[in-house]
Amino acid sequence: MRAVARVVAVADRHGRTVLRELRGESPLLLRQAATEEGVPTVYVVGGAAGPLAGDDLRLSVEVGPGAAVRVRTVAASVALPGRPGAVSRMRVDAVVHDGGTLHWLPEQLVAAAGCDHVAGSRVTLAEGARLLWREELVCGRYGEPAGNVVVATSVDHAGRPLLRQSLAVGPAAPGWAGPAVLGGATATGSLLVVGPAAASGPATVDGGGQLRGRVLPTGPGASAAWLPLAGGPAALLTATAPDAHTLRTLLDPAGVAAIDPPTPATATGPTPAAPTVSAAATAPAAAAGPRALPGAGGSVPDAAGETGWVTAAGRR
C-alpha cells in the first residue's frame, strides 16, 4: 500500500494559524481537533492496519512564519510482517519557517515480531523556528521478541546539521539489546527541544559557564540523559525503559520549560476558511478527550552527527 499525507499551517493576517492544506490517504488519515489556545491540533488516524511489509507511507508537514501546529496520533503504530522479503517504510518530512512552531508528539512505534520496517524523519528548521519532537520505540508486543526496525532522524537548523541519529533493533541488528545499545531495555525514545526552552532544561553549568549534559534519576531498569546540542538553542532528552509506560513518564515534557507558540491575535475579523480535506476513507476522532500536557502548552490523548553526540533513540 502507498499513501501520502500533507499538513500545511500558515498564519493569517490576524496572526491566527490556519490549516491551508490537510490531505491524507488511508492509512494516513488526518483529522483536525479543537483549537487549543489558538493553536490547531492534527491527529493522524490509522485507516488500516500496519504499517505492513511492503507499505510505503509518507507524511509531510510545513509550518509557515508565525504559525504553530501540533501533530499527534490517536494510537500506537504497530509494524507488522507481510510477504517474505518485503520492507515497510514510513517517511516524515517537516519544514518549520522562521517564527513557526511544531510539536510532533505521536504515540509509540511497536516493532512486532517478524516485521521489517524503516522509519525515517527529516526536519528542516529556520533559525527562529521552535520544535518539540518526540519519538518512541517499543521492541515487540507483550511477550514476543522484537522485529527488525531501523529508526533514523535528521534535523537541520539554520542551514546547518543539528542532529543525526539512527537506531536498529531486531534479529538483523546484532548486539542491539546489549549494554552498548539498549542494555536489555525494551522501550527507548527521545525528546528533542529546539528554542529558548532548550537552555532551561535540567542541564548543568560548568565553571566556564558552559552547559553540560546530565544523567537524570530514574527507577530500576531505566535510564535518561539530558544533553545540550551544538549548532543551535537545542537539547536532547534520551531514555530507555522496561516498558512503554515508564518511557512516556521519562519523556513527558513536564520537566521542560514551555515552548510557547505565537500568541494568538485578539483582533476580530472574518473566520478563517476551513481547510481543504481529502481522504480515501473516514474514521472517527479519538473517543477520549485530551489531557493537559504540562510544559508543552498542549495536550496529549488518554548517531554520530555534527553535534558530536550519539544516542539510541526510537519512534513511539
Protein backbone atom coordinates (compact mmCIF):
# COMPACT_ATOMS: atom_id res chain seq x y z
CA MET A 1 0.00 0.00 0.00
CA ARG A 2 1.21 3.51 -0.83
CA ALA A 3 -0.13 6.63 0.85
CA VAL A 4 0.80 10.31 1.04
CA ALA A 5 -0.44 12.86 3.58
CA ARG A 6 0.33 16.56 3.94
CA VAL A 7 -0.25 19.29 6.52
CA VAL A 8 0.39 22.97 5.79
CA ALA A 9 -0.14 25.54 8.56
CA VAL A 10 0.09 29.28 7.90
CA ALA A 11 -0.64 32.45 9.86
CA ASP A 12 -3.47 34.62 8.55
CA ARG A 13 -3.49 38.43 8.61
CA HIS A 14 -4.78 38.37 12.19
CA GLY A 15 -1.92 36.19 13.39
CA ARG A 16 -4.09 33.09 13.78
CA THR A 17 -2.93 29.72 12.49
CA VAL A 18 -4.95 28.31 9.61
CA LEU A 19 -4.54 24.86 8.13
CA ARG A 20 -4.21 25.73 4.48
CA GLU A 21 -3.87 22.09 3.49
CA LEU A 22 -4.95 18.93 5.30
CA ARG A 23 -4.84 15.98 2.94
CA GLY A 24 -4.45 12.26 3.56
CA GLU A 25 -4.95 8.80 2.16
CA SER A 26 -5.69 5.57 4.01
CA PRO A 27 -3.99 4.53 6.22
CA LEU A 28 -2.71 8.10 6.81
CA LEU A 29 -5.95 9.94 7.51
CA LEU A 30 -5.72 13.44 9.01
CA ARG A 31 -8.29 14.97 11.35
CA GLN A 32 -8.24 18.41 12.91
CA ALA A 33 -9.15 18.57 16.60
CA ALA A 34 -10.44 21.57 18.51
CA THR A 35 -8.12 24.57 18.57
CA GLU A 36 -6.29 24.97 21.87
CA GLU A 37 -5.11 28.47 22.79
CA GLY A 38 -5.29 29.47 19.17
CA VAL A 39 -3.18 26.52 18.00
CA PRO A 40 -4.76 23.73 15.91
CA THR A 41 -4.03 20.07 16.63
CA VAL A 42 -3.93 17.49 13.84
CA TYR A 43 -4.37 13.79 14.57
CA VAL A 44 -3.10 11.06 12.28
CA VAL A 45 -5.77 8.35 12.26
CA GLY A 46 -4.87 4.87 11.07
CA GLY A 47 -7.36 3.91 8.37
CA ALA A 48 -5.90 0.40 8.06
CA ALA A 49 -3.66 -1.98 9.99
CA GLY A 50 0.06 -1.51 9.71
CA PRO A 51 2.48 -0.44 8.54
CA LEU A 52 2.59 -3.83 6.84
CA ALA A 53 5.64 -5.13 4.98
CA GLY A 54 5.52 -3.63 1.51
CA ASP A 55 3.80 -0.40 2.60
CA ASP A 56 5.33 2.95 1.59
CA LEU A 57 3.88 5.79 3.68
CA ARG A 58 4.88 9.46 3.53
CA LEU A 59 3.77 12.40 5.65
CA SER A 60 4.92 15.99 5.14
CA VAL A 61 4.36 18.91 7.50
CA GLU A 62 5.07 22.56 6.71
CA VAL A 63 4.68 25.37 9.25
CA GLY A 64 4.80 28.89 7.90
CA PRO A 65 6.25 32.01 9.58
CA GLY A 66 4.39 32.85 12.78
CA ALA A 67 2.20 29.72 12.61
CA ALA A 68 2.00 26.87 15.13
CA VAL A 69 0.61 23.33 14.92
CA ARG A 70 0.61 20.15 16.99
CA VAL A 71 0.63 16.75 15.30
CA ARG A 72 -0.34 13.61 17.20
CA THR A 73 -1.60 10.10 16.52
CA VAL A 74 -4.67 8.55 18.11
CA ALA A 75 -2.95 5.21 18.84
CA ALA A 76 0.32 3.35 18.64
CA SER A 77 1.61 2.28 15.24
CA VAL A 78 2.35 -1.46 15.02
CA ALA A 79 4.85 -2.50 12.35
CA LEU A 80 3.67 -5.91 11.10
CA PRO A 81 5.22 -8.64 8.94
CA GLY A 82 3.99 -9.22 5.40
CA ARG A 83 5.17 -11.06 2.34
CA PRO A 84 8.71 -12.51 2.69
CA GLY A 85 11.47 -10.09 1.80
CA ALA A 86 9.24 -7.01 1.79
CA VAL A 87 10.09 -3.91 3.85
CA SER A 88 7.63 -1.34 5.14
CA ARG A 89 8.62 2.32 5.17
CA MET A 90 7.34 5.44 6.90
CA ARG A 91 8.89 8.77 5.94
CA VAL A 92 8.16 12.07 7.71
CA ASP A 93 9.41 15.37 6.24
CA ALA A 94 8.88 18.56 8.25
CA VAL A 95 9.78 22.16 7.43
CA VAL A 96 9.36 24.93 10.01
CA HIS A 97 9.91 28.50 8.85
CA ASP A 98 11.20 31.44 10.89
CA GLY A 99 8.89 32.11 13.83
CA GLY A 100 6.98 28.87 13.31
CA THR A 101 6.37 26.22 15.98
CA LEU A 102 5.87 22.47 15.54
CA HIS A 103 5.03 19.99 18.29
CA TRP A 104 5.44 16.43 16.96
CA LEU A 105 4.05 14.08 19.63
CA PRO A 106 2.92 10.76 18.15
CA GLU A 107 2.21 7.57 20.06
CA GLN A 108 4.65 4.62 20.04
CA LEU A 109 6.00 2.63 17.16
CA VAL A 110 5.80 -1.06 18.14
CA ALA A 111 8.17 -3.48 16.39
CA ALA A 112 6.05 -6.64 16.19
CA ALA A 113 7.83 -9.98 15.77
CA GLY A 114 8.71 -10.69 12.15
CA CYS A 115 8.37 -7.13 10.91
CA ASP A 116 10.94 -5.37 8.72
CA HIS A 117 10.37 -1.63 8.97
CA VAL A 118 12.28 1.58 8.25
CA ALA A 119 11.14 4.85 9.86
CA GLY A 120 12.90 7.98 8.62
CA SER A 121 12.38 11.60 9.63
CA ARG A 122 13.92 14.71 8.07
CA VAL A 123 13.31 18.07 9.78
CA THR A 124 14.43 21.43 8.38
CA LEU A 125 14.27 24.39 10.75
CA ALA A 126 14.78 28.08 10.05
CA GLU A 127 16.90 30.00 12.55
CA GLY A 128 13.90 31.31 14.51
CA ALA A 129 11.87 28.09 14.41
CA ARG A 130 10.79 26.19 17.53
CA LEU A 131 10.40 22.44 17.77
CA LEU A 132 9.29 19.76 20.19
CA TRP A 133 9.92 16.35 18.59
CA ARG A 134 9.27 13.09 20.44
CA GLU A 135 10.00 9.60 19.13
CA GLU A 136 9.36 6.33 20.99
CA LEU A 137 10.01 2.71 20.04
CA VAL A 138 8.74 -0.41 21.79
CA CYS A 139 10.65 -3.59 20.90
CA GLY A 140 7.92 -6.18 20.43
CA ARG A 141 4.41 -6.61 21.71
CA TYR A 142 3.84 -8.15 25.13
CA GLY A 143 5.64 -11.47 25.48
CA GLU A 144 7.13 -11.54 21.97
CA PRO A 145 10.58 -10.69 20.53
CA ALA A 146 11.20 -7.57 18.52
CA GLY A 147 11.06 -7.48 14.74
CA ASN A 148 13.56 -5.61 12.60
CA VAL A 149 13.22 -1.83 12.76
CA VAL A 150 15.56 0.98 11.74
CA VAL A 151 14.74 4.47 13.03
CA ALA A 152 16.73 7.38 11.56
CA THR A 153 16.29 11.06 12.35
CA SER A 154 17.96 14.03 10.68
CA VAL A 155 17.47 17.64 11.82
CA ASP A 156 18.99 20.77 10.26
CA HIS A 157 18.82 24.18 11.93
CA ALA A 158 19.53 27.47 10.15
CA GLY A 159 21.14 25.62 7.26
CA ARG A 160 23.49 23.56 9.46
CA PRO A 161 23.25 19.97 10.71
CA LEU A 162 21.86 19.83 14.25
CA LEU A 163 21.19 16.14 14.85
CA ARG A 164 21.88 12.86 13.09
CA GLN A 165 20.86 9.70 14.91
CA SER A 166 19.96 6.16 13.96
CA LEU A 167 18.94 3.02 15.82
CA ALA A 168 18.47 -0.55 14.55
CA VAL A 169 16.80 -3.27 16.63
CA GLY A 170 15.79 -6.85 15.97
CA PRO A 171 17.44 -10.05 14.69
CA ALA A 172 19.19 -8.20 11.84
CA ALA A 173 20.99 -5.86 14.29
CA PRO A 174 23.49 -7.90 16.35
CA GLY A 175 24.12 -6.51 19.82
CA TRP A 176 21.14 -4.13 19.86
CA ALA A 177 19.95 -5.47 23.24
CA GLY A 178 23.44 -5.46 24.77
CA PRO A 179 24.99 -2.94 27.15
CA ALA A 180 26.34 -0.76 24.31
CA VAL A 181 22.84 -0.03 22.99
CA LEU A 182 19.65 -0.73 24.98
CA GLY A 183 21.12 -2.75 27.83
CA GLY A 184 18.15 -5.10 27.95
CA ALA A 185 15.52 -2.34 27.84
CA THR A 186 12.52 -2.97 25.61
CA ALA A 187 11.48 0.65 25.13
CA THR A 188 13.55 3.65 24.07
CA GLY A 189 12.97 7.15 22.82
CA SER A 190 13.99 10.77 22.70
CA LEU A 191 12.60 14.28 23.09
CA LEU A 192 14.27 16.99 21.02
CA VAL A 193 13.72 20.60 22.08
CA VAL A 194 14.73 23.48 19.80
CA GLY A 195 14.14 27.02 21.01
CA PRO A 196 14.55 29.06 24.20
CA ALA A 197 13.20 26.19 26.32
CA ALA A 198 16.25 24.09 25.47
CA ALA A 199 18.51 26.26 27.61
CA SER A 200 16.28 25.92 30.67
CA GLY A 201 16.19 22.13 30.77
CA PRO A 202 17.80 20.03 33.51
CA ALA A 203 21.39 20.50 32.32
CA THR A 204 24.32 21.56 34.48
CA VAL A 205 26.68 24.51 34.05
CA ASP A 206 30.42 24.07 34.46
CA GLY A 207 32.91 26.58 35.86
CA GLY A 208 33.32 28.21 32.46
CA GLY A 209 29.59 28.83 32.11
CA GLN A 210 29.13 26.07 29.51
CA LEU A 211 26.08 23.83 29.56
CA ARG A 212 26.87 20.18 30.18
CA GLY A 213 24.73 17.10 29.92
CA ARG A 214 23.19 15.46 32.92
CA VAL A 215 22.19 11.90 33.73
CA LEU A 216 18.73 12.05 35.28
CA PRO A 217 17.46 9.94 38.17
CA THR A 218 15.23 7.04 37.11
CA GLY A 219 13.74 3.87 38.53
CA PRO A 220 15.07 0.32 38.14
CA GLY A 221 15.75 -0.83 34.59
CA ALA A 222 15.56 2.67 33.12
CA SER A 223 17.98 5.42 32.20
CA ALA A 224 17.72 9.00 30.95
CA ALA A 225 20.10 11.80 30.00
CA TRP A 226 19.63 15.45 29.04
CA LEU A 227 22.25 16.87 26.66
CA PRO A 228 22.57 20.32 25.09
CA LEU A 229 23.34 20.19 21.35
CA ALA A 230 25.85 22.27 19.46
CA GLY A 231 24.62 24.22 16.48
CA GLY A 232 21.58 25.91 17.97
CA PRO A 233 19.45 26.54 21.03
CA ALA A 234 18.66 22.83 21.28
CA ALA A 235 18.82 19.92 23.69
CA LEU A 236 18.05 16.22 23.54
CA LEU A 237 16.48 14.09 26.25
CA THR A 238 17.03 10.37 25.63
CA ALA A 239 15.74 7.44 27.66
CA THR A 240 15.47 3.66 27.85
CA ALA A 241 12.89 1.83 29.94
CA PRO A 242 11.49 -1.64 30.63
CA ASP A 243 8.04 -0.71 29.25
CA ALA A 244 6.17 1.94 27.28
CA HIS A 245 4.50 3.50 30.32
CA THR A 246 7.80 4.14 32.08
CA LEU A 247 9.30 5.53 28.89
CA ARG A 248 6.45 8.00 28.45
CA THR A 249 6.92 9.17 32.02
CA LEU A 250 10.60 9.86 31.37
CA LEU A 251 9.89 11.69 28.11
CA ASP A 252 6.97 13.77 29.35
CA PRO A 253 7.81 17.41 28.60
CA ALA A 254 6.60 18.37 32.11
CA GLY A 255 10.20 18.89 33.21
CA VAL A 256 11.00 21.10 30.25
CA ALA A 257 10.11 24.80 30.16
CA ALA A 258 7.23 25.61 27.83
CA ILE A 259 7.86 26.11 24.14
CA ASP A 260 5.33 28.84 23.66
CA PRO A 261 3.63 29.05 20.27
CA PRO A 262 2.93 32.51 18.85
CA THR A 263 0.38 34.41 20.92
CA PRO A 264 -2.91 34.38 19.02
CA ALA A 265 -4.12 37.77 17.89
CA THR A 266 -7.09 39.30 19.64
CA ALA A 267 -8.26 41.38 16.70
CA THR A 268 -11.62 40.42 15.32
CA GLY A 269 -12.16 39.56 11.72
CA PRO A 270 -13.71 37.03 9.43
CA THR A 271 -13.41 33.42 10.47
CA PRO A 272 -10.61 31.67 8.57
CA ALA A 273 -11.76 29.37 5.83
CA ALA A 274 -11.96 25.70 6.70
CA PRO A 275 -9.03 23.61 5.48
CA THR A 276 -9.33 21.51 2.39
CA VAL A 277 -9.63 17.88 3.45
CA SER A 278 -9.22 14.95 1.11
CA ALA A 279 -9.24 11.34 2.32
CA ALA A 280 -9.82 7.93 0.82
CA ALA A 281 -11.83 6.85 3.85
CA THR A 282 -13.33 8.29 7.01
CA ALA A 283 -12.67 7.42 10.63
CA PRO A 284 -14.00 8.70 13.95
CA ALA A 285 -11.95 11.04 16.09
CA ALA A 286 -10.41 9.80 19.32
CA ALA A 287 -13.07 8.77 21.77
CA ALA A 288 -11.37 10.16 24.85
CA GLY A 289 -10.71 13.85 25.30
CA PRO A 290 -7.18 15.17 25.67
CA ARG A 291 -5.49 15.81 28.96
CA ALA A 292 -3.19 18.71 29.70
CA LEU A 293 0.40 18.26 28.66
CA PRO A 294 2.46 20.24 31.17
CA GLY A 295 5.31 22.26 29.82
CA ALA A 296 4.41 21.95 26.16
CA GLY A 297 1.41 24.25 26.09
CA GLY A 298 -0.65 21.46 24.56
CA SER A 299 -2.39 18.20 25.26
CA VAL A 300 -1.93 14.52 24.62
CA PRO A 301 -4.60 11.80 24.33
CA ASP A 302 -5.76 9.44 27.46
CA ALA A 303 24.07 8.96 15.69
CA ALA A 304 27.36 10.31 15.37
CA GLY A 305 26.46 13.62 13.84
CA GLU A 306 27.82 17.08 13.70
CA THR A 307 26.61 17.56 17.25
CA GLY A 308 29.20 15.11 18.49
CA TRP A 309 26.55 13.05 20.26
CA VAL A 310 25.41 9.50 19.57
CA THR A 311 22.16 8.25 21.01
CA ALA A 312 19.91 5.23 20.69
CA ALA A 313 16.51 6.74 20.17
CA GLY A 314 13.38 5.49 18.51
CA ARG A 315 9.89 6.40 17.46
CA ARG A 316 6.83 5.76 19.52
